[in-house]
């Protein structure tokens, strides 16, 4: 018997197909003491679909991801990965997941190729198949030319791309990407997004979290918005935007008391929502053209208005309307 071939076939997850759900979460709940971190969350991800999980800090996204990947056990509810129930000891379900954390998990004194071969060995992928698969994932993340260089010489963006390659090495049915572009330069960020776009062609499901709304709009087939532990909206980006009807988005920068300005703006009859961030005030109105003079007048009473812009409704507007916050809050 060829031992290498046998171990490869036994341990490597089968190539993805484009049929069925790769992830199904049903009525997930998890609390930490008196804090209900996740409350009755249900969603599913289809094969070949990129699914965005969005929410402000403290919304419960990290807890959901921990339960999906078997790091944390749910108080109640269920997680099925490729039809297999997930829990901390579920090795078959875990083998169907490629998990790419926010923190880079690589060996800096090894080359990019050596890192990938090492992780392939942990999945018991035979040497011949591992070499072939390493070449494939290096191409996906655009690191073929740097494969023989030590990881300690890589930029931050290149390390994150190699981190994604590690998550892909065993052909998972579900790839979990937890804010993969945090802290990277624009060129590396674009390379990462391009790599993710290619994954759906392999029939792989992708669970994607981000604090950049433009990434969700570019990559995600469907998005779910979480706040305070609950799933408050789900759908295709255009479907969610359509829920706003004719709402428009006014953004202004104010040198003055933003908190008082927001409170005054919320009292205006034409304003359906207003919130302040570090650098701007966001205001939702049905008709920006008619509301703009009064919005500027009220804001100017609390300081100096430095700039004003009006945007068509987008996913950021939906998020602001539903949570009262911007995604990066």
C-alpha atoms as a PDB file:
ATOM      1  CA  UNK A   1       0.000   0.000   0.000  1.00  0.00           C
ATOM      2  CA  UNK A   2       1.191   3.514  -0.772  1.00  0.00           C
ATOM      3  CA  UNK A   3       1.051   5.099   2.685  1.00  0.00           C
ATOM      4  CA  UNK A   4       1.451   8.668   1.407  1.00  0.00           C
ATOM      5  CA  UNK A   5      -1.467   8.376  -1.006  1.00  0.00           C
ATOM      6  CA  UNK A   6      -3.637   6.687   1.597  1.00  0.00           C
ATOM      7  CA  UNK A   7      -3.096   9.385   4.240  1.00  0.00           C
ATOM      8  CA  UNK A   8      -3.785  12.131   1.732  1.00  0.00           C
ATOM      9  CA  UNK A   9      -7.132  10.688   0.747  1.00  0.00           C
ATOM     10  CA  UNK A  10      -8.091  10.059   4.350  1.00  0.00           C
ATOM     11  CA  UNK A  11      -7.350  13.483   5.764  1.00  0.00           C
ATOM     12  CA  UNK A  12      -7.677  16.086   3.046  1.00  0.00           C
ATOM     13  CA  UNK A  13     -11.108  17.643   2.772  1.00  0.00           C
ATOM     14  CA  UNK A  14     -12.758  16.817  -0.534  1.00  0.00           C
ATOM     15  CA  UNK A  15     -12.799  19.526  -3.212  1.00  0.00           C
ATOM     16  CA  UNK A  16     -15.807  21.805  -2.762  1.00  0.00           C
ATOM     17  CA  UNK A  17     -18.919  21.487  -4.844  1.00  0.00           C
ATOM     18  CA  UNK A  18     -21.402  24.243  -5.610  1.00  0.00           C
ATOM     19  CA  UNK A  19     -24.370  22.523  -3.963  1.00  0.00           C
ATOM     20  CA  UNK A  20     -25.982  22.957  -0.541  1.00  0.00           C
ATOM     21  CA  UNK A  21     -25.110  24.812   2.649  1.00  0.00           C
ATOM     22  CA  UNK A  22     -21.560  24.783   3.978  1.00  0.00           C
ATOM     23  CA  UNK A  23     -22.641  26.477   7.209  1.00  0.00           C
ATOM     24  CA  UNK A  24     -25.934  26.507   9.064  1.00  0.00           C
ATOM     25  CA  UNK A  25     -26.274  28.298  12.395  1.00  0.00           C
ATOM     26  CA  UNK A  26     -29.551  27.880  14.236  1.00  0.00           C
ATOM     27  CA  UNK A  27     -30.706  29.887  17.257  1.00  0.00           C
ATOM     28  CA  UNK A  28     -27.201  30.398  18.672  1.00  0.00           C
ATOM     29  CA  UNK A  29     -26.996  31.792  22.180  1.00  0.00           C
ATOM     30  CA  UNK A  30     -23.996  32.513  24.368  1.00  0.00           C
ATOM     31  CA  UNK A  31     -23.658  34.574  27.531  1.00  0.00           C
ATOM     32  CA  UNK A  32     -20.747  35.594  29.723  1.00  0.00           C
ATOM     33  CA  UNK A  33     -22.123  36.052  33.209  1.00  0.00           C
ATOM     34  CA  UNK A  34     -24.917  38.598  32.990  1.00  0.00           C
ATOM     35  CA  UNK A  35     -23.909  39.691  29.459  1.00  0.00           C
ATOM     36  CA  UNK A  36     -25.858  38.098  26.598  1.00  0.00           C
ATOM     37  CA  UNK A  37     -23.179  38.241  23.898  1.00  0.00           C
ATOM     38  CA  UNK A  38     -25.163  36.311  21.253  1.00  0.00           C
ATOM     39  CA  UNK A  39     -28.935  36.053  21.352  1.00  0.00           C
ATOM     40  CA  UNK A  40     -30.873  33.735  19.008  1.00  0.00           C
ATOM     41  CA  UNK A  41     -28.651  34.181  15.930  1.00  0.00           C
ATOM     42  CA  UNK A  42     -29.495  32.070  12.856  1.00  0.00           C
ATOM     43  CA  UNK A  43     -28.031  32.206   9.336  1.00  0.00           C
ATOM     44  CA  UNK A  44     -26.668  29.946   6.623  1.00  0.00           C
ATOM     45  CA  UNK A  45     -23.964  30.175   3.976  1.00  0.00           C
ATOM     46  CA  UNK A  46     -24.251  28.420   0.632  1.00  0.00           C
ATOM     47  CA  UNK A  47     -21.403  26.827  -1.302  1.00  0.00           C
ATOM     48  CA  UNK A  48     -19.722  29.427  -3.501  1.00  0.00           C
ATOM     49  CA  UNK A  49     -21.170  32.322  -1.476  1.00  0.00           C
ATOM     50  CA  UNK A  50     -19.333  35.104   0.346  1.00  0.00           C
ATOM     51  CA  UNK A  51     -21.329  36.114   3.420  1.00  0.00           C
ATOM     52  CA  UNK A  52     -20.503  39.299   5.301  1.00  0.00           C
ATOM     53  CA  UNK A  53     -21.044  39.517   9.061  1.00  0.00           C
ATOM     54  CA  UNK A  54     -21.065  43.194  10.015  1.00  0.00           C
ATOM     55  CA  UNK A  55     -21.480  44.980  13.300  1.00  0.00           C
ATOM     56  CA  UNK A  56     -19.957  47.635  15.559  1.00  0.00           C
ATOM     57  CA  UNK A  57     -17.509  46.650  18.281  1.00  0.00           C
ATOM     58  CA  UNK A  58     -19.280  44.584  20.930  1.00  0.00           C
ATOM     59  CA  UNK A  59     -22.006  43.390  18.568  1.00  0.00           C
ATOM     60  CA  UNK A  60     -21.162  39.697  19.113  1.00  0.00           C
ATOM     61  CA  UNK A  61     -19.364  38.883  15.839  1.00  0.00           C
ATOM     62  CA  UNK A  62     -16.241  37.445  17.473  1.00  0.00           C
ATOM     63  CA  UNK A  63     -18.342  35.214  19.725  1.00  0.00           C
ATOM     64  CA  UNK A  64     -20.275  33.902  16.708  1.00  0.00           C
ATOM     65  CA  UNK A  65     -17.030  33.165  14.839  1.00  0.00           C
ATOM     66  CA  UNK A  66     -15.627  31.369  17.896  1.00  0.00           C
ATOM     67  CA  UNK A  67     -18.702  29.123  18.011  1.00  0.00           C
ATOM     68  CA  UNK A  68     -18.645  28.518  14.248  1.00  0.00           C
ATOM     69  CA  UNK A  69     -15.004  27.420  14.388  1.00  0.00           C
ATOM     70  CA  UNK A  70     -15.418  25.237  17.468  1.00  0.00           C
ATOM     71  CA  UNK A  71     -13.264  27.365  19.761  1.00  0.00           C
ATOM     72  CA  UNK A  72     -16.241  28.203  21.978  1.00  0.00           C
ATOM     73  CA  UNK A  73     -19.276  26.082  22.783  1.00  0.00           C
ATOM     74  CA  UNK A  74     -22.735  27.608  22.456  1.00  0.00           C
ATOM     75  CA  UNK A  75     -25.032  27.735  25.473  1.00  0.00           C
ATOM     76  CA  UNK A  76     -27.785  26.574  23.124  1.00  0.00           C
ATOM     77  CA  UNK A  77     -28.478  26.277  19.409  1.00  0.00           C
ATOM     78  CA  UNK A  78     -26.455  24.454  16.784  1.00  0.00           C
ATOM     79  CA  UNK A  79     -23.722  24.914  14.185  1.00  0.00           C
ATOM     80  CA  UNK A  80     -23.535  22.559  11.205  1.00  0.00           C
ATOM     81  CA  UNK A  81     -20.433  22.719   8.993  1.00  0.00           C
ATOM     82  CA  UNK A  82     -20.970  20.832   5.741  1.00  0.00           C
ATOM     83  CA  UNK A  83     -23.738  18.920   7.500  1.00  0.00           C
ATOM     84  CA  UNK A  84     -21.624  17.938  10.530  1.00  0.00           C
ATOM     85  CA  UNK A  85     -22.387  19.337  13.980  1.00  0.00           C
ATOM     86  CA  UNK A  86     -19.669  21.595  15.363  1.00  0.00           C
ATOM     87  CA  UNK A  87     -18.454  21.577  18.964  1.00  0.00           C
ATOM     88  CA  UNK A  88     -14.990  21.967  20.538  1.00  0.00           C
ATOM     89  CA  UNK A  89     -14.158  18.264  20.029  1.00  0.00           C
ATOM     90  CA  UNK A  90     -15.619  17.883  16.519  1.00  0.00           C
ATOM     91  CA  UNK A  91     -12.493  17.154  14.445  1.00  0.00           C
ATOM     92  CA  UNK A  92     -14.381  16.309  11.238  1.00  0.00           C
ATOM     93  CA  UNK A  93     -16.287  19.602  11.307  1.00  0.00           C
ATOM     94  CA  UNK A  94     -13.117  21.551  12.151  1.00  0.00           C
ATOM     95  CA  UNK A  95     -11.260  19.920   9.240  1.00  0.00           C
ATOM     96  CA  UNK A  96     -13.855  21.409   6.878  1.00  0.00           C
ATOM     97  CA  UNK A  97     -12.989  24.969   8.029  1.00  0.00           C
ATOM     98  CA  UNK A  98     -10.107  27.222   7.104  1.00  0.00           C
ATOM     99  CA  UNK A  99      -9.850  29.811   9.867  1.00  0.00           C
ATOM    100  CA  UNK A 100      -7.847  32.998   9.238  1.00  0.00           C
ATOM    101  CA  UNK A 101      -7.648  35.031  12.479  1.00  0.00           C
ATOM    102  CA  UNK A 102      -6.954  38.743  12.830  1.00  0.00           C
ATOM    103  CA  UNK A 103      -3.534  37.998  14.311  1.00  0.00           C
ATOM    104  CA  UNK A 104      -0.972  36.519  11.923  1.00  0.00           C
ATOM    105  CA  UNK A 105      -0.091  32.921  12.874  1.00  0.00           C
ATOM    106  CA  UNK A 106       3.101  32.090  10.948  1.00  0.00           C
ATOM    107  CA  UNK A 107       6.690  31.027  11.613  1.00  0.00           C
ATOM    108  CA  UNK A 108       8.876  34.046  10.738  1.00  0.00           C
ATOM    109  CA  UNK A 109      12.135  32.066  10.393  1.00  0.00           C
ATOM    110  CA  UNK A 110      10.641  29.772   7.721  1.00  0.00           C
ATOM    111  CA  UNK A 111      10.011  30.700   4.104  1.00  0.00           C
ATOM    112  CA  UNK A 112       6.508  31.163   2.806  1.00  0.00           C
ATOM    113  CA  UNK A 113       6.645  27.766   1.083  1.00  0.00           C
ATOM    114  CA  UNK A 114       8.032  26.049   4.198  1.00  0.00           C
ATOM    115  CA  UNK A 115       5.216  27.492   6.315  1.00  0.00           C
ATOM    116  CA  UNK A 116       2.614  26.122   3.923  1.00  0.00           C
ATOM    117  CA  UNK A 117       4.269  22.697   3.714  1.00  0.00           C
ATOM    118  CA  UNK A 118       4.359  22.528   7.507  1.00  0.00           C
ATOM    119  CA  UNK A 119       0.660  23.319   7.854  1.00  0.00           C
ATOM    120  CA  UNK A 120      -0.133  20.863   5.049  1.00  0.00           C
ATOM    121  CA  UNK A 121       1.624  18.155   7.075  1.00  0.00           C
ATOM    122  CA  UNK A 122      -0.645  18.898  10.050  1.00  0.00           C
ATOM    123  CA  UNK A 123      -3.588  17.994   7.794  1.00  0.00           C
ATOM    124  CA  UNK A 124      -1.729  14.813   6.756  1.00  0.00           C
ATOM    125  CA  UNK A 125      -1.584  15.885   3.146  1.00  0.00           C
ATOM    126  CA  UNK A 126       0.992  13.737   1.349  1.00  0.00           C
ATOM    127  CA  UNK A 127       4.183  15.386   0.130  1.00  0.00           C
ATOM    128  CA  UNK A 128       3.460  15.211  -3.591  1.00  0.00           C
ATOM    129  CA  UNK A 129      -0.059  16.597  -3.211  1.00  0.00           C
ATOM    130  CA  UNK A 130       1.167  19.196  -0.693  1.00  0.00           C
ATOM    131  CA  UNK A 131       3.756  20.601  -3.111  1.00  0.00           C
ATOM    132  CA  UNK A 132       1.083  20.936  -5.791  1.00  0.00           C
ATOM    133  CA  UNK A 133      -1.417  22.537  -3.420  1.00  0.00           C
ATOM    134  CA  UNK A 134       1.189  24.965  -2.042  1.00  0.00           C
ATOM    135  CA  UNK A 135       1.840  26.187  -5.575  1.00  0.00           C
ATOM    136  CA  UNK A 136      -1.904  26.660  -6.108  1.00  0.00           C
ATOM    137  CA  UNK A 137      -2.533  28.720  -2.977  1.00  0.00           C
ATOM    138  CA  UNK A 138       0.602  30.814  -3.478  1.00  0.00           C
ATOM    139  CA  UNK A 139      -0.799  31.752  -6.876  1.00  0.00           C
ATOM    140  CA  UNK A 140      -4.212  32.581  -5.375  1.00  0.00           C
ATOM    141  CA  UNK A 141      -2.710  35.033  -2.877  1.00  0.00           C
ATOM    142  CA  UNK A 142      -0.099  36.402  -5.288  1.00  0.00           C
ATOM    143  CA  UNK A 143       3.041  35.293  -3.430  1.00  0.00           C
ATOM    144  CA  UNK A 144       4.629  32.866  -5.876  1.00  0.00           C
ATOM    145  CA  UNK A 145       7.649  35.102  -6.469  1.00  0.00           C
ATOM    146  CA  UNK A 146       8.310  35.483  -2.717  1.00  0.00           C
ATOM    147  CA  UNK A 147       7.719  31.841  -1.779  1.00  0.00           C
ATOM    148  CA  UNK A 148      11.415  31.152  -1.101  1.00  0.00           C
ATOM    149  CA  UNK A 149      11.897  34.198   1.151  1.00  0.00           C
ATOM    150  CA  UNK A 150      11.657  34.048   4.920  1.00  0.00           C
ATOM    151  CA  UNK A 151       8.410  35.374   6.342  1.00  0.00           C
ATOM    152  CA  UNK A 152      10.344  37.770   8.589  1.00  0.00           C
ATOM    153  CA  UNK A 153      11.214  39.716   5.410  1.00  0.00           C
ATOM    154  CA  UNK A 154       7.546  40.037   4.359  1.00  0.00           C
ATOM    155  CA  UNK A 155       5.514  43.214   4.724  1.00  0.00           C
ATOM    156  CA  UNK A 156       2.452  43.173   6.975  1.00  0.00           C
ATOM    157  CA  UNK A 157       0.161  42.792   3.977  1.00  0.00           C
ATOM    158  CA  UNK A 158       2.171  39.888   2.577  1.00  0.00           C
ATOM    159  CA  UNK A 159       2.001  38.103   5.932  1.00  0.00           C
ATOM    160  CA  UNK A 160      -1.766  38.449   5.942  1.00  0.00           C
ATOM    161  CA  UNK A 161      -1.937  37.049   2.413  1.00  0.00           C
ATOM    162  CA  UNK A 162       0.175  34.072   3.464  1.00  0.00           C
ATOM    163  CA  UNK A 163      -2.114  33.651   6.471  1.00  0.00           C
ATOM    164  CA  UNK A 164      -5.010  33.269   4.028  1.00  0.00           C
ATOM    165  CA  UNK A 165      -2.991  30.725   2.029  1.00  0.00           C
ATOM    166  CA  UNK A 166      -2.577  28.648   5.215  1.00  0.00           C
ATOM    167  CA  UNK A 167      -6.359  28.673   5.655  1.00  0.00           C
ATOM    168  CA  UNK A 168      -6.777  27.411   2.084  1.00  0.00           C
ATOM    169  CA  UNK A 169      -4.123  24.693   2.071  1.00  0.00           C
ATOM    170  CA  UNK A 170      -6.492  21.785   2.852  1.00  0.00           C
ATOM    171  CA  UNK A 171      -9.301  22.879   0.505  1.00  0.00           C
ATOM    172  CA  UNK A 172     -11.818  23.757   3.230  1.00  0.00           C
ATOM    173  CA  UNK A 173     -15.529  23.839   2.544  1.00  0.00           C
ATOM    174  CA  UNK A 174     -15.801  27.055   4.614  1.00  0.00           C
ATOM    175  CA  UNK A 175     -13.194  29.799   4.898  1.00  0.00           C
ATOM    176  CA  UNK A 176     -13.563  32.149   7.887  1.00  0.00           C
ATOM    177  CA  UNK A 177     -11.842  35.499   7.350  1.00  0.00           C
ATOM    178  CA  UNK A 178     -11.859  37.682  10.451  1.00  0.00           C
ATOM    179  CA  UNK A 179     -10.979  41.244   9.361  1.00  0.00           C
ATOM    180  CA  UNK A 180      -8.154  40.132   7.039  1.00  0.00           C
ATOM    181  CA  UNK A 181      -7.226  43.640   5.835  1.00  0.00           C
ATOM    182  CA  UNK A 182      -6.757  45.409   9.175  1.00  0.00           C
ATOM    183  CA  UNK A 183      -3.590  47.493   9.190  1.00  0.00           C
ATOM    184  CA  UNK A 184      -2.382  46.676   5.672  1.00  0.00           C
ATOM    185  CA  UNK A 185      -1.339  49.079   2.919  1.00  0.00           C
ATOM    186  CA  UNK A 186      -3.752  49.822   0.029  1.00  0.00           C
ATOM    187  CA  UNK A 187      -1.853  47.655  -2.463  1.00  0.00           C
ATOM    188  CA  UNK A 188      -1.874  44.609  -0.178  1.00  0.00           C
ATOM    189  CA  UNK A 189      -5.488  45.241   0.722  1.00  0.00           C
ATOM    190  CA  UNK A 190      -6.486  45.196  -2.931  1.00  0.00           C
ATOM    191  CA  UNK A 191      -4.503  41.979  -3.437  1.00  0.00           C
ATOM    192  CA  UNK A 192      -6.324  40.359  -0.511  1.00  0.00           C
ATOM    193  CA  UNK A 193      -9.722  41.383  -1.855  1.00  0.00           C
ATOM    194  CA  UNK A 194      -8.806  40.049  -5.283  1.00  0.00           C
ATOM    195  CA  UNK A 195      -7.819  36.728  -3.713  1.00  0.00           C
ATOM    196  CA  UNK A 196     -11.140  36.467  -1.884  1.00  0.00           C
ATOM    197  CA  UNK A 197     -13.038  37.198  -5.097  1.00  0.00           C
ATOM    198  CA  UNK A 198     -11.368  34.192  -6.733  1.00  0.00           C
ATOM    199  CA  UNK A 199     -12.448  31.778  -4.014  1.00  0.00           C
ATOM    200  CA  UNK A 200     -16.119  31.618  -4.975  1.00  0.00           C
ATOM    201  CA  UNK A 201     -15.105  30.061  -8.292  1.00  0.00           C
ATOM    202  CA  UNK A 202     -13.899  27.016  -6.322  1.00  0.00           C
ATOM    203  CA  UNK A 203     -17.329  26.579  -4.721  1.00  0.00           C
ATOM    204  CA  UNK A 204     -16.014  27.496  -1.280  1.00  0.00           C
ATOM    205  CA  UNK A 205     -18.220  29.290   1.233  1.00  0.00           C
ATOM    206  CA  UNK A 206     -16.659  32.371   2.857  1.00  0.00           C
ATOM    207  CA  UNK A 207     -17.639  33.987   6.159  1.00  0.00           C
ATOM    208  CA  UNK A 208     -16.172  37.496   6.060  1.00  0.00           C
ATOM    209  CA  UNK A 209     -16.029  40.111   8.799  1.00  0.00           C
ATOM    210  CA  UNK A 210     -14.747  43.616   8.198  1.00  0.00           C
ATOM    211  CA  UNK A 211     -14.838  47.173   9.508  1.00  0.00           C
ATOM    212  CA  UNK A 212     -14.698  48.523   5.943  1.00  0.00           C
ATOM    213  CA  UNK A 213     -18.124  48.810   4.364  1.00  0.00           C
ATOM    214  CA  UNK A 214     -16.706  49.144   0.852  1.00  0.00           C
ATOM    215  CA  UNK A 215     -15.192  45.655   1.233  1.00  0.00           C
ATOM    216  CA  UNK A 216     -18.574  44.181   2.111  1.00  0.00           C
ATOM    217  CA  UNK A 217     -20.190  45.904  -0.862  1.00  0.00           C
ATOM    218  CA  UNK A 218     -17.475  44.638  -3.216  1.00  0.00           C
ATOM    219  CA  UNK A 219     -17.186  41.038  -1.993  1.00  0.00           C
ATOM    220  CA  UNK A 220     -20.351  39.858  -0.298  1.00  0.00           C
ATOM    221  CA  UNK A 221     -23.282  38.141  -1.980  1.00  0.00           C
ATOM    222  CA  UNK A 222     -25.273  38.597   1.215  1.00  0.00           C
ATOM    223  CA  UNK A 223     -24.626  40.479   4.439  1.00  0.00           C
ATOM    224  CA  UNK A 224     -25.960  40.220   7.959  1.00  0.00           C
ATOM    225  CA  UNK A 225     -25.915  43.134  10.393  1.00  0.00           C
ATOM    226  CA  UNK A 226     -25.472  42.387  14.097  1.00  0.00           C
ATOM    227  CA  UNK A 227     -25.981  44.712  17.027  1.00  0.00           C
ATOM    228  CA  UNK A 228     -26.119  43.989  20.756  1.00  0.00           C
ATOM    229  CA  UNK A 229     -25.882  40.241  20.167  1.00  0.00           C
ATOM    230  CA  UNK A 230     -28.768  39.952  17.719  1.00  0.00           C
ATOM    231  CA  UNK A 231     -29.036  39.646  13.958  1.00  0.00           C
ATOM    232  CA  UNK A 232     -31.113  42.675  12.993  1.00  0.00           C
ATOM    233  CA  UNK A 233     -30.996  42.531   9.178  1.00  0.00           C
ATOM    234  CA  UNK A 234     -29.890  40.151   6.433  1.00  0.00           C
ATOM    235  CA  UNK A 235     -29.991  40.175   2.639  1.00  0.00           C
ATOM    236  CA  UNK A 236     -28.217  41.178  -0.517  1.00  0.00           C
ATOM    237  CA  UNK A 237     -26.683  44.673  -0.283  1.00  0.00           C
ATOM    238  CA  UNK A 238     -29.167  46.082  -2.815  1.00  0.00           C
ATOM    239  CA  UNK A 239     -32.102  44.540  -0.959  1.00  0.00           C
ATOM    240  CA  UNK A 240     -31.013  46.154   2.287  1.00  0.00           C
ATOM    241  CA  UNK A 241     -30.460  49.502   0.606  1.00  0.00           C
ATOM    242  CA  UNK A 242     -33.943  49.323  -0.919  1.00  0.00           C
ATOM    243  CA  UNK A 243     -35.414  49.113   2.591  1.00  0.00           C
ATOM    244  CA  UNK A 244     -34.480  52.754   3.114  1.00  0.00           C
ATOM    245  CA  UNK A 245     -36.852  53.874   0.400  1.00  0.00           C
ATOM    246  CA  UNK A 246     -35.958  57.407  -0.655  1.00  0.00           C
ATOM    247  CA  UNK A 247     -33.696  58.219   2.293  1.00  0.00           C
ATOM    248  CA  UNK A 248     -30.564  60.202   1.513  1.00  0.00           C
ATOM    249  CA  UNK A 249     -27.378  60.624   3.479  1.00  0.00           C
ATOM    250  CA  UNK A 250     -25.923  64.019   4.444  1.00  0.00           C
ATOM    251  CA  UNK A 251     -22.433  64.036   5.905  1.00  0.00           C
ATOM    252  CA  UNK A 252     -20.926  67.206   7.365  1.00  0.00           C
ATOM    253  CA  UNK A 253     -17.814  68.055   9.324  1.00  0.00           C
ATOM    254  CA  UNK A 254     -18.202  70.454  12.220  1.00  0.00           C
ATOM    255  CA  UNK A 255     -15.684  72.347  14.270  1.00  0.00           C
ATOM    256  CA  UNK A 256     -17.672  72.636  17.479  1.00  0.00           C
ATOM    257  CA  UNK A 257     -19.951  70.626  19.762  1.00  0.00           C
ATOM    258  CA  UNK A 258     -20.960  67.595  17.698  1.00  0.00           C
ATOM    259  CA  UNK A 259     -22.959  66.020  20.520  1.00  0.00           C
ATOM    260  CA  UNK A 260     -25.237  69.053  20.886  1.00  0.00           C
ATOM    261  CA  UNK A 261     -25.517  69.345  17.113  1.00  0.00           C
ATOM    262  CA  UNK A 262     -26.674  65.735  16.756  1.00  0.00           C
ATOM    263  CA  UNK A 263     -29.268  66.184  19.503  1.00  0.00           C
ATOM    264  CA  UNK A 264     -30.636  69.293  17.770  1.00  0.00           C
ATOM    265  CA  UNK A 265     -30.630  67.604  14.348  1.00  0.00           C
ATOM    266  CA  UNK A 266     -32.626  64.638  15.647  1.00  0.00           C
ATOM    267  CA  UNK A 267     -35.400  67.044  16.674  1.00  0.00           C
ATOM    268  CA  UNK A 268     -35.875  68.249  13.099  1.00  0.00           C
ATOM    269  CA  UNK A 269     -39.075  66.843  11.513  1.00  0.00           C
ATOM    270  CA  UNK A 270     -37.296  65.933   8.250  1.00  0.00           C
ATOM    271  CA  UNK A 271     -34.446  64.032   9.929  1.00  0.00           C
ATOM    272  CA  UNK A 272     -34.893  60.264  10.359  1.00  0.00           C
ATOM    273  CA  UNK A 273     -31.478  59.635  11.931  1.00  0.00           C
ATOM    274  CA  UNK A 274     -28.332  61.444  13.060  1.00  0.00           C
ATOM    275  CA  UNK A 275     -25.092  60.317  14.644  1.00  0.00           C
ATOM    276  CA  UNK A 276     -21.624  61.724  15.327  1.00  0.00           C
ATOM    277  CA  UNK A 277     -18.234  60.117  14.781  1.00  0.00           C
ATOM    278  CA  UNK A 278     -14.715  61.396  15.367  1.00  0.00           C
ATOM    279  CA  UNK A 279     -14.584  63.117  11.991  1.00  0.00           C
ATOM    280  CA  UNK A 280     -18.160  63.734  10.818  1.00  0.00           C
ATOM    281  CA  UNK A 281     -21.875  63.996  11.537  1.00  0.00           C
ATOM    282  CA  UNK A 282     -24.129  61.674   9.506  1.00  0.00           C
ATOM    283  CA  UNK A 283     -27.734  62.681   8.904  1.00  0.00           C
ATOM    284  CA  UNK A 284     -30.509  60.698   7.182  1.00  0.00           C
ATOM    285  CA  UNK A 285     -33.346  62.565   5.471  1.00  0.00           C
ATOM    286  CA  UNK A 286     -36.044  61.697   2.909  1.00  0.00           C
ATOM    287  CA  UNK A 287     -35.131  64.617   0.628  1.00  0.00           C
ATOM    288  CA  UNK A 288     -31.663  66.129   1.010  1.00  0.00           C
ATOM    289  CA  UNK A 289     -32.289  69.080  -1.292  1.00  0.00           C
ATOM    290  CA  UNK A 290     -35.147  70.454   0.806  1.00  0.00           C
ATOM    291  CA  UNK A 291     -33.679  69.481   4.191  1.00  0.00           C
ATOM    292  CA  UNK A 292     -30.114  70.663   3.615  1.00  0.00           C
ATOM    293  CA  UNK A 293     -30.535  74.402   4.457  1.00  0.00           C
ATOM    294  CA  UNK A 294     -32.121  73.657   7.824  1.00  0.00           C
ATOM    295  CA  UNK A 295     -29.601  70.896   8.619  1.00  0.00           C
ATOM    296  CA  UNK A 296     -26.713  73.274   7.970  1.00  0.00           C
ATOM    297  CA  UNK A 297     -28.371  76.069   9.976  1.00  0.00           C
ATOM    298  CA  UNK A 298     -28.910  73.841  13.035  1.00  0.00           C
ATOM    299  CA  UNK A 299     -25.383  72.391  12.850  1.00  0.00           C
ATOM    300  CA  UNK A 300     -23.854  75.848  12.429  1.00  0.00           C
ATOM    301  CA  UNK A 301     -25.515  76.969  15.659  1.00  0.00           C
ATOM    302  CA  UNK A 302     -23.142  74.597  17.472  1.00  0.00           C
ATOM    303  CA  UNK A 303     -19.923  75.483  15.617  1.00  0.00           C
ATOM    304  CA  UNK A 304     -18.387  76.033  12.184  1.00  0.00           C
ATOM    305  CA  UNK A 305     -19.464  73.720   9.364  1.00  0.00           C
ATOM    306  CA  UNK A 306     -16.311  72.876   7.396  1.00  0.00           C
ATOM    307  CA  UNK A 307     -17.740  70.632   4.666  1.00  0.00           C
ATOM    308  CA  UNK A 308     -21.006  69.078   3.481  1.00  0.00           C
ATOM    309  CA  UNK A 309     -21.665  66.168   1.122  1.00  0.00           C
ATOM    310  CA  UNK A 310     -24.788  64.318   0.011  1.00  0.00           C
ATOM    311  CA  UNK A 311     -24.617  60.622  -0.889  1.00  0.00           C
ATOM    312  CA  UNK A 312     -27.049  58.162  -2.405  1.00  0.00           C
ATOM    313  CA  UNK A 313     -28.220  55.442  -0.004  1.00  0.00           C
ATOM    314  CA  UNK A 314     -25.649  52.645   0.402  1.00  0.00           C
ATOM    315  CA  UNK A 315     -24.825  49.859   2.832  1.00  0.00           C
ATOM    316  CA  UNK A 316     -23.210  52.341   5.227  1.00  0.00           C
ATOM    317  CA  UNK A 317     -26.491  54.278   5.276  1.00  0.00           C
ATOM    318  CA  UNK A 318     -28.425  51.098   6.074  1.00  0.00           C
ATOM    319  CA  UNK A 319     -26.025  50.270   8.884  1.00  0.00           C
ATOM    320  CA  UNK A 320     -26.304  53.775  10.321  1.00  0.00           C
ATOM    321  CA  UNK A 321     -30.095  53.653  10.174  1.00  0.00           C
ATOM    322  CA  UNK A 322     -30.364  50.253  11.887  1.00  0.00           C
ATOM    323  CA  UNK A 323     -27.693  50.602  14.577  1.00  0.00           C
ATOM    324  CA  UNK A 324     -27.354  54.375  15.040  1.00  0.00           C
ATOM    325  CA  UNK A 325     -23.601  53.897  14.550  1.00  0.00           C
ATOM    326  CA  UNK A 326     -21.060  53.715  11.780  1.00  0.00           C
ATOM    327  CA  UNK A 327     -19.336  50.388  11.135  1.00  0.00           C
ATOM    328  CA  UNK A 328     -15.980  51.518  12.532  1.00  0.00           C
ATOM    329  CA  UNK A 329     -17.494  52.691  15.856  1.00  0.00           C
END
